Amino acid sequence: MPERTYDPALEKATNRWMWWGLAIMVVMVAIFPLYRVYEPSARAEARDLQLASLVEQGGAIYSLNCASCHGQNGEGGLGPALNSQQFLTSAVDQQVSALIAVGVPGSQMGAYSLDFGGPLTSEQIEAITAYLRAWEEGAPDMPDWRDPLGLAGGG
C-alpha cells in the first residue's frame, strides 16, 4: 500500500475550491428569493402574449371556417350565435373545443378536427376557442342564442 504524504499545496488548492464552492452556493441561495419574486410576473406576461397570439390566429381561422354559419362577429346566422353571454358563460373551454372538434350530431355542424375527418389541428381548434373566449367580457345578452337567425320566428 502506498504511503500517504501531506501536501500543503494540494491542501491549500482544495480549500480554495471549497471556499469558492461555498461562496457560489451562498450567492445562489441569496438570488433564489429574487427569482421567486420576479418569475411569476414574467410567466404571466408570457402567458398573456401567448393568449394574444392565439386569439389573433383564432380570428383568422374563425373567419375562414366558422363565420359563414355563425356570423363574422359570432352574432349567428345559419348556426347559433356564439357571441352571447349565455353560451360563453355556460361552456368551458374544453366543451367549446369538443364542439368544434367533434361537431354536433343532428345538425349542420360537422367535425372540424383532423382526428374526425375535419381540416383543423388541435392547435387551430384551441386558437378558435381562445378567440371565442375573448368575446366573453363584452358579449351581449342573447337568451335565444341557440336559434339560428334563418329559423327565428318559426321560419
Protein backbone atom coordinates (compact mmCIF):
# COMPACT_ATOMS: atom_id res chain seq x y z
CA MET A 1 0.00 0.00 0.00
CA PRO A 2 1.48 3.38 -0.96
CA GLU A 3 2.35 5.74 1.80
CA ARG A 4 0.25 8.89 2.07
CA THR A 5 2.04 12.14 2.46
CA TYR A 6 0.75 15.51 3.43
CA ASP A 7 0.95 18.01 0.57
CA PRO A 8 0.38 21.59 1.78
CA ALA A 9 -0.07 22.90 -1.80
CA LEU A 10 -2.78 20.32 -2.51
CA GLU A 11 -4.50 21.12 0.80
CA LYS A 12 -4.40 24.84 0.01
CA ALA A 13 -5.83 24.30 -3.50
CA THR A 14 -8.59 22.04 -2.16
CA ASN A 15 -9.54 24.58 0.50
CA ARG A 16 -9.60 27.35 -2.09
CA TRP A 17 -12.03 25.33 -4.30
CA MET A 18 -14.20 24.55 -1.28
CA TRP A 19 -14.41 28.27 -0.37
CA TRP A 20 -15.31 29.18 -3.96
CA GLY A 21 -18.00 26.47 -3.94
CA LEU A 22 -19.38 27.79 -0.65
CA ALA A 23 -19.39 31.37 -1.99
CA ILE A 24 -21.25 30.31 -5.16
CA MET A 25 -23.78 28.39 -3.07
CA VAL A 26 -24.37 31.43 -0.83
CA VAL A 27 -24.87 33.64 -3.90
CA MET A 28 -27.37 31.16 -5.35
CA VAL A 29 -29.26 30.97 -2.06
CA ALA A 30 -29.40 34.77 -1.95
CA ILE A 31 -30.56 35.06 -5.58
CA PHE A 32 -33.29 32.41 -5.36
CA PRO A 33 -35.77 34.63 -3.44
CA LEU A 34 -35.29 37.35 -6.06
CA TYR A 35 -36.05 34.80 -8.76
CA ARG A 36 -39.19 33.73 -6.87
CA VAL A 37 -40.37 37.36 -6.84
CA TYR A 38 -39.56 38.07 -10.49
CA GLU A 39 -40.57 34.82 -12.21
CA PRO A 40 -44.38 34.83 -11.67
CA SER A 41 -44.76 38.21 -13.36
CA ALA A 42 -42.55 37.09 -16.25
CA ARG A 43 -44.64 33.95 -16.66
CA ALA A 44 -47.88 35.93 -16.54
CA GLU A 45 -46.55 38.27 -19.22
CA ALA A 46 -45.53 35.33 -21.41
CA ARG A 47 -48.97 33.74 -20.90
CA ASP A 48 -50.68 36.98 -21.92
CA LEU A 49 -48.54 37.25 -25.06
CA GLN A 50 -49.27 33.63 -25.97
CA LEU A 51 -53.00 34.15 -25.42
CA ALA A 52 -52.97 37.29 -27.59
CA SER A 53 -51.21 35.35 -30.32
CA LEU A 54 -53.74 32.50 -30.05
CA VAL A 55 -56.64 34.96 -30.24
CA GLU A 56 -55.15 36.55 -33.36
CA GLN A 57 -54.63 33.18 -35.04
CA GLY A 58 -58.09 32.05 -33.92
CA GLY A 59 -59.68 35.10 -35.52
CA ALA A 60 -58.18 34.28 -38.89
CA ILE A 61 -59.17 30.62 -38.65
CA TYR A 62 -62.69 31.56 -37.46
CA SER A 63 -63.15 33.91 -40.43
CA LEU A 64 -62.24 31.14 -42.87
CA ASN A 65 -64.11 28.24 -41.27
CA CYS A 66 -66.87 29.46 -38.97
CA ALA A 67 -68.06 32.95 -39.95
CA SER A 68 -70.18 31.77 -42.87
CA CYS A 69 -72.55 29.98 -40.48
CA HIS A 70 -72.06 31.74 -37.13
CA GLY A 71 -71.59 35.31 -38.39
CA GLN A 72 -68.41 37.34 -38.71
CA ASN A 73 -68.78 38.58 -35.13
CA GLY A 74 -70.47 35.47 -33.76
CA GLU A 75 -73.93 37.03 -33.99
CA GLY A 76 -75.40 33.89 -35.53
CA GLY A 77 -76.69 33.02 -38.96
CA LEU A 78 -77.29 29.50 -40.19
CA GLY A 79 -75.71 28.38 -36.92
CA PRO A 80 -76.30 29.60 -33.37
CA ALA A 81 -74.86 32.85 -32.05
CA LEU A 82 -71.52 32.23 -30.36
CA ASN A 83 -71.04 35.79 -29.13
CA SER A 84 -73.64 35.60 -26.37
CA GLN A 85 -73.36 35.78 -22.60
CA GLN A 86 -75.41 32.64 -22.25
CA PHE A 87 -73.17 30.50 -24.45
CA LEU A 88 -69.82 31.88 -23.32
CA THR A 89 -70.57 31.75 -19.59
CA SER A 90 -72.14 28.29 -19.67
CA ALA A 91 -69.49 26.48 -21.74
CA VAL A 92 -65.94 25.87 -20.51
CA ASP A 93 -63.04 25.84 -22.97
CA GLN A 94 -62.93 22.04 -23.15
CA GLN A 95 -66.61 21.94 -24.15
CA VAL A 96 -66.14 24.58 -26.84
CA SER A 97 -63.10 22.76 -28.22
CA ALA A 98 -65.00 19.47 -28.20
CA LEU A 99 -67.94 21.03 -30.08
CA ILE A 100 -65.57 22.32 -32.73
CA ALA A 101 -63.58 19.09 -32.93
CA VAL A 102 -66.42 16.56 -32.97
CA GLY A 103 -69.29 18.66 -34.29
CA VAL A 104 -72.91 18.49 -33.19
CA PRO A 105 -74.78 15.33 -34.23
CA GLY A 106 -78.10 16.01 -35.94
CA SER A 107 -77.08 19.50 -37.06
CA GLN A 108 -75.12 21.08 -39.88
CA MET A 109 -72.13 21.47 -37.54
CA GLY A 110 -69.69 18.84 -38.74
CA ALA A 111 -66.45 17.72 -37.14
CA TYR A 112 -63.52 20.07 -37.73
CA SER A 113 -60.75 18.06 -36.08
CA LEU A 114 -58.29 16.16 -38.23
CA ASP A 115 -58.94 13.21 -35.91
CA PHE A 116 -62.57 13.14 -37.04
CA GLY A 117 -62.04 13.91 -40.72
CA GLY A 118 -62.04 17.69 -40.48
CA PRO A 119 -59.47 20.23 -41.68
CA LEU A 120 -58.17 21.64 -38.36
CA THR A 121 -55.39 20.62 -35.99
CA SER A 122 -55.91 20.60 -32.25
CA GLU A 123 -53.80 23.78 -32.00
CA GLN A 124 -56.06 25.54 -34.51
CA ILE A 125 -59.13 24.45 -32.54
CA GLU A 126 -57.52 25.78 -29.36
CA ALA A 127 -56.90 29.09 -31.16
CA ILE A 128 -60.57 29.35 -32.21
CA THR A 129 -61.61 28.60 -28.62
CA ALA A 130 -59.32 31.39 -27.35
CA TYR A 131 -60.79 33.74 -29.97
CA LEU A 132 -64.36 32.96 -28.87
CA ARG A 133 -63.37 33.29 -25.21
CA ALA A 134 -62.02 36.79 -25.95
CA TRP A 135 -65.60 37.85 -26.74
CA GLU A 136 -66.86 36.88 -23.28
CA GLU A 137 -66.31 40.19 -21.49
CA GLY A 138 -68.41 42.25 -23.91
CA ALA A 139 -70.80 39.54 -25.06
CA PRO A 140 -74.41 40.70 -25.48
CA ASP A 141 -77.33 39.15 -23.63
CA MET A 142 -78.97 36.80 -26.15
CA PRO A 143 -81.35 34.36 -24.45
CA ASP A 144 -82.28 32.84 -27.81
CA TRP A 145 -78.65 32.31 -28.89
CA ARG A 146 -79.36 28.71 -29.92
CA ASP A 147 -81.91 29.70 -32.55
CA PRO A 148 -80.25 30.21 -35.92
CA LEU A 149 -81.28 33.52 -37.50
CA GLY A 150 -82.63 31.68 -40.52
CA LEU A 151 -85.11 29.83 -38.28
CA ALA A 152 -86.09 32.66 -35.94
CA GLY A 153 -89.81 33.37 -35.87
CA GLY A 154 -90.70 29.84 -36.92
CA GLY A 155 -89.16 30.19 -40.38
